[in-house]
């Protein structure tokens, strides 16, 4: 599984396709600008919204759920990277 540090995401979030797999109430407290919220439990049902020709960075609170989502989508043929450390360690801009 490919990983990316929180610092790398903070520096280039505007150029990344970020999927936040936290629950909607968690995301309401703040997410990375431009990130799309698809809760982990819905990834299987909403992966048709994703484009296999694009690269995605998966994000959650601590890195566990996004790791599960990364592994699942990787197995489905998507090019995905997990953000290590999750939003608990993210210090960049949020909306």
C-alpha atoms as a PDB file:
ATOM      1  CA  UNK A   1       0.000   0.000   0.000  1.00  0.00           C
ATOM      2  CA  UNK A   2       1.315   3.415  -0.954  1.00  0.00           C
ATOM      3  CA  UNK A   3       1.382   6.046   1.773  1.00  0.00           C
ATOM      4  CA  UNK A   4       1.843   9.799   1.895  1.00  0.00           C
ATOM      5  CA  UNK A   5       2.767  11.844   4.943  1.00  0.00           C
ATOM      6  CA  UNK A   6       0.418  14.417   6.439  1.00  0.00           C
ATOM      7  CA  UNK A   7       3.050  17.094   5.674  1.00  0.00           C
ATOM      8  CA  UNK A   8       3.099  16.103   1.974  1.00  0.00           C
ATOM      9  CA  UNK A   9      -0.696  16.385   1.812  1.00  0.00           C
ATOM     10  CA  UNK A  10      -0.622  19.752   3.627  1.00  0.00           C
ATOM     11  CA  UNK A  11       1.807  21.116   1.024  1.00  0.00           C
ATOM     12  CA  UNK A  12      -0.064  19.955  -2.071  1.00  0.00           C
ATOM     13  CA  UNK A  13      -3.702  19.289  -1.119  1.00  0.00           C
ATOM     14  CA  UNK A  14      -4.980  21.583  -3.904  1.00  0.00           C
ATOM     15  CA  UNK A  15      -3.436  19.312  -6.553  1.00  0.00           C
ATOM     16  CA  UNK A  16      -4.711  16.058  -4.998  1.00  0.00           C
ATOM     17  CA  UNK A  17      -7.956  14.107  -5.348  1.00  0.00           C
ATOM     18  CA  UNK A  18      -8.733  13.524  -1.686  1.00  0.00           C
ATOM     19  CA  UNK A  19     -11.418  11.143  -0.425  1.00  0.00           C
ATOM     20  CA  UNK A  20     -12.303  11.548   3.254  1.00  0.00           C
ATOM     21  CA  UNK A  21     -13.749   8.261   4.537  1.00  0.00           C
ATOM     22  CA  UNK A  22     -14.829   9.559   7.964  1.00  0.00           C
ATOM     23  CA  UNK A  23     -18.485   9.679   8.942  1.00  0.00           C
ATOM     24  CA  UNK A  24     -20.433  12.810   7.997  1.00  0.00           C
ATOM     25  CA  UNK A  25     -20.570  14.073  11.593  1.00  0.00           C
ATOM     26  CA  UNK A  26     -16.753  13.850  11.825  1.00  0.00           C
ATOM     27  CA  UNK A  27     -16.328  15.711   8.537  1.00  0.00           C
ATOM     28  CA  UNK A  28     -18.698  18.442   9.730  1.00  0.00           C
ATOM     29  CA  UNK A  29     -16.007  19.453  12.257  1.00  0.00           C
ATOM     30  CA  UNK A  30     -13.627  20.207   9.360  1.00  0.00           C
ATOM     31  CA  UNK A  31     -12.123  18.575   6.296  1.00  0.00           C
ATOM     32  CA  UNK A  32      -9.335  19.289   3.847  1.00  0.00           C
ATOM     33  CA  UNK A  33     -10.602  21.828   1.274  1.00  0.00           C
ATOM     34  CA  UNK A  34     -11.725  20.045  -1.891  1.00  0.00           C
ATOM     35  CA  UNK A  35     -11.922  16.625  -0.231  1.00  0.00           C
ATOM     36  CA  UNK A  36     -14.934  14.490  -1.130  1.00  0.00           C
ATOM     37  CA  UNK A  37     -16.632  12.697   1.764  1.00  0.00           C
ATOM     38  CA  UNK A  38     -17.448   9.044   1.112  1.00  0.00           C
ATOM     39  CA  UNK A  39     -17.801   7.249   4.473  1.00  0.00           C
ATOM     40  CA  UNK A  40     -15.903   3.951   4.619  1.00  0.00           C
ATOM     41  CA  UNK A  41     -19.128   1.932   4.808  1.00  0.00           C
ATOM     42  CA  UNK A  42     -20.269   3.421   1.494  1.00  0.00           C
ATOM     43  CA  UNK A  43     -17.021   3.060  -0.502  1.00  0.00           C
ATOM     44  CA  UNK A  44     -18.117  -0.200  -2.118  1.00  0.00           C
ATOM     45  CA  UNK A  45     -21.418   1.329  -3.227  1.00  0.00           C
ATOM     46  CA  UNK A  46     -20.024   4.698  -4.369  1.00  0.00           C
ATOM     47  CA  UNK A  47     -16.786   3.636  -6.068  1.00  0.00           C
ATOM     48  CA  UNK A  48     -18.593   4.107  -9.398  1.00  0.00           C
ATOM     49  CA  UNK A  49     -18.218   7.864  -8.694  1.00  0.00           C
ATOM     50  CA  UNK A  50     -14.424   7.477  -8.905  1.00  0.00           C
ATOM     51  CA  UNK A  51     -12.325   7.484 -12.070  1.00  0.00           C
ATOM     52  CA  UNK A  52      -9.733   4.705 -12.433  1.00  0.00           C
ATOM     53  CA  UNK A  53      -7.551   7.024 -14.526  1.00  0.00           C
ATOM     54  CA  UNK A  54      -7.073   9.392 -11.546  1.00  0.00           C
ATOM     55  CA  UNK A  55      -4.922   9.098  -8.428  1.00  0.00           C
ATOM     56  CA  UNK A  56      -6.666   9.379  -5.045  1.00  0.00           C
ATOM     57  CA  UNK A  57      -5.470  10.064  -1.504  1.00  0.00           C
ATOM     58  CA  UNK A  58      -7.563   8.461   1.224  1.00  0.00           C
ATOM     59  CA  UNK A  59      -7.987  10.267   4.549  1.00  0.00           C
ATOM     60  CA  UNK A  60      -9.635   9.462   7.899  1.00  0.00           C
ATOM     61  CA  UNK A  61      -9.161  10.405  11.553  1.00  0.00           C
ATOM     62  CA  UNK A  62      -6.037   8.362  12.313  1.00  0.00           C
ATOM     63  CA  UNK A  63      -5.176   6.393   9.156  1.00  0.00           C
ATOM     64  CA  UNK A  64      -6.904   3.075   9.944  1.00  0.00           C
ATOM     65  CA  UNK A  65     -10.161   3.421   8.014  1.00  0.00           C
ATOM     66  CA  UNK A  66      -8.419   5.149   5.125  1.00  0.00           C
ATOM     67  CA  UNK A  67      -5.980   2.228   5.055  1.00  0.00           C
ATOM     68  CA  UNK A  68      -8.917  -0.183   4.719  1.00  0.00           C
ATOM     69  CA  UNK A  69     -10.405   1.968   1.946  1.00  0.00           C
ATOM     70  CA  UNK A  70      -7.023   2.185   0.195  1.00  0.00           C
ATOM     71  CA  UNK A  71      -6.622  -1.604   0.248  1.00  0.00           C
ATOM     72  CA  UNK A  72     -10.180  -2.195  -0.973  1.00  0.00           C
ATOM     73  CA  UNK A  73      -9.940   0.313  -3.845  1.00  0.00           C
ATOM     74  CA  UNK A  74      -6.456  -0.931  -4.776  1.00  0.00           C
ATOM     75  CA  UNK A  75      -7.943  -4.434  -5.085  1.00  0.00           C
ATOM     76  CA  UNK A  76     -10.598  -2.971  -7.430  1.00  0.00           C
ATOM     77  CA  UNK A  77      -7.930  -1.501  -9.732  1.00  0.00           C
ATOM     78  CA  UNK A  78      -7.811   2.093  -8.464  1.00  0.00           C
ATOM     79  CA  UNK A  79      -4.577   4.044  -7.944  1.00  0.00           C
ATOM     80  CA  UNK A  80      -4.847   5.085  -4.280  1.00  0.00           C
ATOM     81  CA  UNK A  81      -2.547   6.302  -1.526  1.00  0.00           C
ATOM     82  CA  UNK A  82      -3.213   6.370   2.220  1.00  0.00           C
ATOM     83  CA  UNK A  83      -2.437   9.541   4.206  1.00  0.00           C
ATOM     84  CA  UNK A  84      -0.406   8.340   7.206  1.00  0.00           C
ATOM     85  CA  UNK A  85      -1.508   9.712  10.556  1.00  0.00           C
ATOM     86  CA  UNK A  86      -4.915  10.985   9.490  1.00  0.00           C
ATOM     87  CA  UNK A  87      -6.666  14.210  10.388  1.00  0.00           C
ATOM     88  CA  UNK A  88      -5.475  13.937  14.010  1.00  0.00           C
ATOM     89  CA  UNK A  89      -2.042  15.033  12.726  1.00  0.00           C
ATOM     90  CA  UNK A  90      -3.176  17.337   9.923  1.00  0.00           C
ATOM     91  CA  UNK A  91      -2.316  20.976  10.649  1.00  0.00           C
ATOM     92  CA  UNK A  92      -3.182  22.498   7.272  1.00  0.00           C
ATOM     93  CA  UNK A  93      -6.233  24.434   6.163  1.00  0.00           C
ATOM     94  CA  UNK A  94      -9.660  22.924   6.793  1.00  0.00           C
ATOM     95  CA  UNK A  95     -13.204  23.924   5.833  1.00  0.00           C
END
